[in-house]
């Protein structure tokens, strides 16, 4: 599954310890504690959630590319029409 966070402003990305293009990992180990929904993590192990995505999107027009919209929406708790989520071919 593809889940890529794209932060166009390198300074903002750097302040959060991220690259401008960051692959998220879908950690299945956390699913049991999240009612079976996927949990996404940044490379540093920090949980990537809805408030984090919206904060980055609003601050610097960050986007999230995925080839599995349903899994992203369930894991982050966002609607399918969430601005900034882009569906791409796997």
Protein backbone atom coordinates (compact mmCIF):
# COMPACT_ATOMS: atom_id res chain seq x y z
CA UNK A 1 0.00 0.00 0.00
CA UNK A 2 1.25 3.44 -0.91
CA UNK A 3 0.95 6.27 1.62
CA UNK A 4 3.21 9.21 0.84
CA UNK A 5 3.18 12.53 2.66
CA UNK A 6 4.36 15.39 0.46
CA UNK A 7 5.35 18.65 2.17
CA UNK A 8 6.20 21.28 -0.45
CA UNK A 9 7.99 23.58 2.02
CA UNK A 10 11.37 22.06 2.94
CA UNK A 11 11.73 24.38 5.96
CA UNK A 12 8.42 23.18 7.44
CA UNK A 13 9.34 19.56 6.76
CA UNK A 14 12.73 20.04 8.37
CA UNK A 15 11.25 21.58 11.51
CA UNK A 16 9.22 18.38 11.98
CA UNK A 17 12.21 16.16 11.25
CA UNK A 18 10.75 15.04 7.92
CA UNK A 19 11.74 15.07 4.29
CA UNK A 20 9.64 16.81 1.66
CA UNK A 21 8.55 13.35 0.49
CA UNK A 22 7.97 10.91 3.35
CA UNK A 23 6.66 7.36 3.09
CA UNK A 24 4.27 6.43 5.88
CA UNK A 25 4.21 2.90 7.21
CA UNK A 26 1.01 1.05 7.95
CA UNK A 27 1.68 -0.71 11.23
CA UNK A 28 -0.61 -3.70 11.55
CA UNK A 29 0.57 -4.37 15.14
CA UNK A 30 -1.50 -1.43 16.36
CA UNK A 31 -4.71 -2.55 14.63
CA UNK A 32 -5.98 -4.46 17.66
CA UNK A 33 -5.84 -1.33 19.80
CA UNK A 34 -7.48 0.83 17.15
CA UNK A 35 -10.60 -1.28 16.64
CA UNK A 36 -9.02 -3.04 13.68
CA UNK A 37 -8.33 0.15 11.74
CA UNK A 38 -4.85 0.64 10.32
CA UNK A 39 -2.42 2.92 12.13
CA UNK A 40 0.04 5.00 10.13
CA UNK A 41 3.47 6.01 11.37
CA UNK A 42 6.16 8.42 10.27
CA UNK A 43 9.69 7.03 9.79
CA UNK A 44 10.64 8.18 13.32
CA UNK A 45 7.87 5.99 14.77
CA UNK A 46 5.52 8.89 15.57
CA UNK A 47 1.85 8.16 14.88
CA UNK A 48 0.51 10.02 11.86
CA UNK A 49 -3.11 10.97 12.50
CA UNK A 50 -5.86 13.24 11.22
CA UNK A 51 -4.89 16.34 13.27
CA UNK A 52 -1.27 16.03 12.14
CA UNK A 53 -2.28 15.76 8.49
CA UNK A 54 -4.68 18.69 8.68
CA UNK A 55 -2.12 20.83 10.49
CA UNK A 56 0.46 20.23 7.77
CA UNK A 57 -2.08 20.66 4.98
CA UNK A 58 -3.27 23.98 6.37
CA UNK A 59 0.22 25.27 7.22
CA UNK A 60 1.97 24.47 3.97
CA UNK A 61 -0.40 22.73 1.56
CA UNK A 62 0.90 19.23 2.36
CA UNK A 63 -0.78 16.40 0.49
CA UNK A 64 -1.13 12.68 1.06
CA UNK A 65 -0.89 10.33 -1.92
CA UNK A 66 -2.33 6.84 -1.63
CA UNK A 67 -3.41 3.92 -3.74
CA UNK A 68 -5.86 2.76 -1.06
CA UNK A 69 -8.29 5.54 -0.15
CA UNK A 70 -10.43 3.34 2.09
CA UNK A 71 -7.50 2.25 4.26
CA UNK A 72 -6.24 5.84 4.62
CA UNK A 73 -9.71 7.12 5.51
CA UNK A 74 -10.26 4.40 8.12
CA UNK A 75 -6.81 4.80 9.62
CA UNK A 76 -6.88 8.60 9.84
CA UNK A 77 -10.59 8.95 10.48
CA UNK A 78 -11.19 11.26 7.55
CA UNK A 79 -13.92 11.36 4.88
CA UNK A 80 -13.22 10.17 1.33
CA UNK A 81 -13.58 13.77 0.16
CA UNK A 82 -10.87 15.12 2.53
CA UNK A 83 -8.96 17.93 0.82
CA UNK A 84 -5.32 17.12 0.18
CA UNK A 85 -5.75 13.36 -0.22
CA UNK A 86 -4.80 12.27 -3.73
CA UNK A 87 -5.53 8.80 -5.09
CA UNK A 88 -2.80 7.45 -7.38
CA UNK A 89 -2.29 4.17 -9.21
CA UNK A 90 -0.39 1.56 -7.18
